[in-house]
Amino acid sequence: MIVRSAEFEISAVRPQQWPDDGLPEFAFLGRSNVGKSTLLNRLLNRKSLARVSAHPGKTRQINFFRINDGFRFVDLPGYGYAAVSKRERELFAKMIDRYLIEREPLVRIFQLVDIRHLPSRDDVAVHAGLLELDVPITVVATKLDKIPKSQVAKQVRQIREALQTQVEIYPISAEKRLGLDELWALLESDMDHIHSE
């Protein structure tokens, strides 16, 4: 995929603010500090389109990015961030749920987990909820460059077991650009499928 244009469109807190032109959307979801902004920037070959913060949990709205005037990446607020008040966490959860359940143009959800660790309770609970939606899910195991190659298959297996899932798991390193081509291939096949319908 050649990214000819990628622009930040809107930070939305209410459904009325969501873009309404029906372009296909790919949502990215994960715990705070899992490397979501870095992945979005690397996929789009931009340095800081999605803001990478030293303070996790900075994404407080749903951020929409318009790509090639043909589809969107949607950056959902990170979950499981302890420094956010319980009330704020509940508001985030409501906002995310509403988007995931109600959003017609949503094509696929990418749930990010850290390949170095077993999924957290939040990761497991979120994944179980995602499996109930009528939208394809892909697990992206980030920070691949931080573990030895010999450990990758074992870590992926343990993540699969912890999430109790059959969905595909893509190990990637945004920093070293490992696995990004495979993610793009998946996105492109989704787009081809939409255009052939």
Protein backbone atom coordinates (compact mmCIF):
# COMPACT_ATOMS: atom_id res chain seq x y z
CA MET A 1 0.00 0.00 0.00
CA ILE A 2 1.42 3.39 -0.95
CA VAL A 3 0.24 6.01 1.52
CA ARG A 4 -0.23 9.09 -0.64
CA SER A 5 -2.07 11.10 2.00
CA ALA A 6 -2.73 10.70 5.69
CA GLU A 7 -4.34 13.41 7.72
CA PHE A 8 -5.69 13.78 11.20
CA GLU A 9 -9.38 14.52 10.81
CA ILE A 10 -11.13 14.87 14.17
CA SER A 11 -11.00 13.93 17.85
CA ALA A 12 -14.52 12.88 18.73
CA VAL A 13 -16.15 12.33 22.10
CA ARG A 14 -19.73 11.94 20.83
CA PRO A 15 -21.20 9.91 17.95
CA GLN A 16 -22.54 13.12 16.41
CA GLN A 17 -18.91 14.09 15.75
CA TRP A 18 -18.01 10.87 13.92
CA PRO A 19 -17.40 11.36 10.18
CA ASP A 20 -20.51 10.37 8.26
CA ASP A 21 -19.29 9.70 4.71
CA GLY A 22 -19.20 5.89 5.15
CA LEU A 23 -15.49 5.37 4.36
CA PRO A 24 -14.22 1.96 5.64
CA GLU A 25 -12.59 2.16 9.08
CA PHE A 26 -9.94 0.09 10.84
CA ALA A 27 -9.91 0.56 14.62
CA PHE A 28 -6.83 0.21 16.84
CA LEU A 29 -7.33 -0.63 20.48
CA GLY A 30 -5.00 -1.58 23.32
CA ARG A 31 -3.73 -0.88 26.79
CA SER A 32 -2.05 2.43 27.38
CA ASN A 33 1.66 2.20 26.60
CA VAL A 34 1.35 -0.79 24.23
CA GLY A 35 2.77 1.23 21.32
CA LYS A 36 -0.42 2.14 19.46
CA SER A 37 0.62 5.65 18.35
CA THR A 38 4.04 4.41 17.25
CA LEU A 39 2.43 1.65 15.17
CA LEU A 40 0.01 4.08 13.48
CA ASN A 41 2.83 6.48 12.64
CA ARG A 42 5.01 3.69 11.21
CA LEU A 43 2.18 2.21 9.14
CA LEU A 44 1.53 5.65 7.68
CA ASN A 45 5.20 6.62 7.32
CA ARG A 46 4.62 9.75 9.37
CA LYS A 47 6.74 10.93 12.26
CA SER A 48 4.04 12.23 14.56
CA LEU A 49 0.60 12.05 13.01
CA ALA A 50 -0.61 10.06 16.02
CA ARG A 51 0.82 11.72 19.11
CA VAL A 52 3.29 9.52 20.95
CA SER A 53 3.39 10.54 24.59
CA ALA A 54 5.79 9.96 27.45
CA HIS A 55 2.66 9.82 29.60
CA PRO A 56 0.49 6.85 28.62
CA GLY A 57 -3.25 7.34 28.54
CA LYS A 58 -3.08 10.63 26.65
CA THR A 59 -5.64 9.58 24.03
CA ARG A 60 -8.87 10.72 25.66
CA GLN A 61 -11.01 10.88 22.54
CA ILE A 62 -11.55 8.75 19.47
CA ASN A 63 -9.12 10.03 16.84
CA PHE A 64 -9.98 9.65 13.15
CA PHE A 65 -7.26 9.66 10.47
CA ARG A 66 -8.22 9.84 6.80
CA ILE A 67 -5.91 7.88 4.49
CA ASN A 68 -5.65 8.21 0.69
CA ASP A 69 -9.18 9.66 0.80
CA GLY A 70 -10.31 6.03 0.74
CA PHE A 71 -10.38 4.70 4.32
CA ARG A 72 -9.68 5.63 7.93
CA PHE A 73 -7.59 4.49 10.86
CA VAL A 74 -9.38 5.04 14.15
CA ASP A 75 -7.30 5.38 17.31
CA LEU A 76 -9.36 4.41 20.36
CA PRO A 77 -8.43 5.54 23.91
CA GLY A 78 -6.06 3.21 25.75
CA TYR A 79 -7.62 1.10 28.47
CA GLY A 80 -6.30 -0.03 31.84
CA TYR A 81 -4.47 3.18 32.71
CA ALA A 82 -4.30 3.50 36.49
CA ALA A 83 -3.68 7.27 36.74
CA VAL A 84 -7.09 7.98 35.23
CA SER A 85 -10.00 8.24 37.66
CA LYS A 86 -12.51 5.40 37.83
CA ARG A 87 -15.22 7.68 36.45
CA GLU A 88 -13.03 8.67 33.47
CA ARG A 89 -12.23 5.00 32.82
CA GLU A 90 -15.95 4.23 32.75
CA LEU A 91 -16.56 7.10 30.33
CA PHE A 92 -13.77 5.84 28.05
CA ALA A 93 -15.23 2.32 28.17
CA LYS A 94 -18.70 3.64 27.23
CA MET A 95 -17.28 5.73 24.40
CA ILE A 96 -15.26 2.80 23.03
CA ASP A 97 -18.18 0.34 23.37
CA ARG A 98 -20.53 2.67 21.60
CA TYR A 99 -18.14 3.11 18.70
CA LEU A 100 -17.43 -0.63 18.37
CA ILE A 101 -21.08 -1.66 18.61
CA GLU A 102 -22.73 1.08 16.56
CA ARG A 103 -20.17 1.97 13.89
CA GLU A 104 -21.40 0.76 10.49
CA PRO A 105 -18.22 1.40 8.42
CA LEU A 106 -16.01 -0.55 10.88
CA VAL A 107 -14.20 -3.25 8.86
CA ARG A 108 -11.72 -4.71 11.35
CA ILE A 109 -10.51 -4.21 14.91
CA PHE A 110 -6.82 -4.51 15.76
CA GLN A 111 -6.27 -5.29 19.44
CA LEU A 112 -2.69 -4.59 20.50
CA VAL A 113 -0.93 -6.56 23.24
CA ASP A 114 2.72 -6.52 24.34
CA ILE A 115 4.47 -9.69 23.13
CA ARG A 116 6.79 -9.67 26.15
CA HIS A 117 4.01 -10.21 28.70
CA LEU A 118 0.96 -12.36 29.20
CA PRO A 119 -2.21 -10.40 28.37
CA SER A 120 -3.56 -8.46 31.36
CA ARG A 121 -7.00 -9.04 32.86
CA ASP A 122 -8.15 -5.98 30.90
CA ASP A 123 -6.75 -7.44 27.65
CA VAL A 124 -8.58 -10.72 28.26
CA ALA A 125 -11.88 -9.01 29.17
CA VAL A 126 -11.70 -6.66 26.17
CA HIS A 127 -10.90 -9.55 23.83
CA ALA A 128 -13.86 -11.59 25.09
CA GLY A 129 -16.10 -8.59 24.43
CA LEU A 130 -14.67 -8.08 20.94
CA LEU A 131 -15.37 -11.70 20.03
CA GLU A 132 -19.08 -11.03 20.57
CA LEU A 133 -19.11 -8.28 17.95
CA ASP A 134 -19.87 -9.03 14.34
CA VAL A 135 -16.52 -7.57 13.17
CA PRO A 136 -13.26 -9.37 12.32
CA ILE A 137 -10.56 -9.06 15.00
CA THR A 138 -6.81 -9.32 14.67
CA VAL A 139 -4.41 -9.39 17.62
CA VAL A 140 -1.20 -7.45 17.08
CA ALA A 141 1.63 -8.46 19.42
CA THR A 142 3.87 -5.38 19.61
CA LYS A 143 7.51 -4.86 20.64
CA LEU A 144 8.74 -7.94 18.77
CA ASP A 145 12.28 -6.50 18.69
CA LYS A 146 12.43 -6.73 22.50
CA ILE A 147 12.48 -10.54 22.65
CA PRO A 148 14.84 -13.15 21.11
CA LYS A 149 13.60 -14.78 17.88
CA SER A 150 13.65 -18.15 19.62
CA GLN A 151 10.96 -16.94 22.06
CA VAL A 152 8.45 -15.61 19.50
CA ALA A 153 6.45 -18.79 18.83
CA LYS A 154 6.22 -19.56 22.56
CA GLN A 155 5.04 -16.02 23.42
CA VAL A 156 2.42 -16.07 20.65
CA ARG A 157 1.18 -19.45 21.89
CA GLN A 158 0.90 -18.17 25.48
CA ILE A 159 -0.95 -15.03 24.33
CA ARG A 160 -3.39 -17.20 22.36
CA GLU A 161 -3.99 -19.44 25.37
CA ALA A 162 -4.46 -16.50 27.76
CA LEU A 163 -6.95 -14.81 25.42
CA GLN A 164 -8.63 -18.18 24.69
CA THR A 165 -8.84 -17.19 21.06
CA GLN A 166 -8.56 -18.58 17.55
CA VAL A 167 -8.01 -15.21 15.87
CA GLU A 168 -4.78 -14.53 14.04
CA ILE A 169 -1.91 -13.01 16.02
CA TYR A 170 0.59 -10.83 14.17
CA PRO A 171 3.95 -10.27 15.93
CA ILE A 172 5.29 -6.85 14.94
CA SER A 173 7.92 -4.28 15.82
CA ALA A 174 6.91 -0.76 14.83
CA GLU A 175 10.39 0.49 15.81
CA LYS A 176 12.18 -1.94 13.47
CA ARG A 177 9.33 -2.09 10.94
CA LEU A 178 8.98 -5.86 11.34
CA GLY A 179 5.62 -7.36 10.37
CA LEU A 180 4.15 -4.12 8.97
CA ASP A 181 3.94 -5.52 5.42
CA GLU A 182 1.83 -8.42 6.70
CA LEU A 183 -0.56 -5.98 8.40
CA TRP A 184 -0.85 -3.95 5.20
CA ALA A 185 -1.52 -7.14 3.21
CA LEU A 186 -4.42 -7.89 5.58
CA LEU A 187 -5.79 -4.35 5.28
CA GLU A 188 -5.53 -4.51 1.49
CA SER A 189 -7.36 -7.83 1.32
CA ASP A 190 -10.15 -6.32 3.47
CA MET A 191 -10.35 -3.35 1.10
CA ASP A 192 -10.40 -5.63 -1.97
CA HIS A 193 -13.22 -7.61 -0.37
CA ILE A 194 -15.26 -4.44 0.21
CA HIS A 195 -14.73 -3.21 -3.35
CA SER A 196 -15.70 -6.56 -4.84
CA GLU A 197 -19.04 -6.68 -2.97
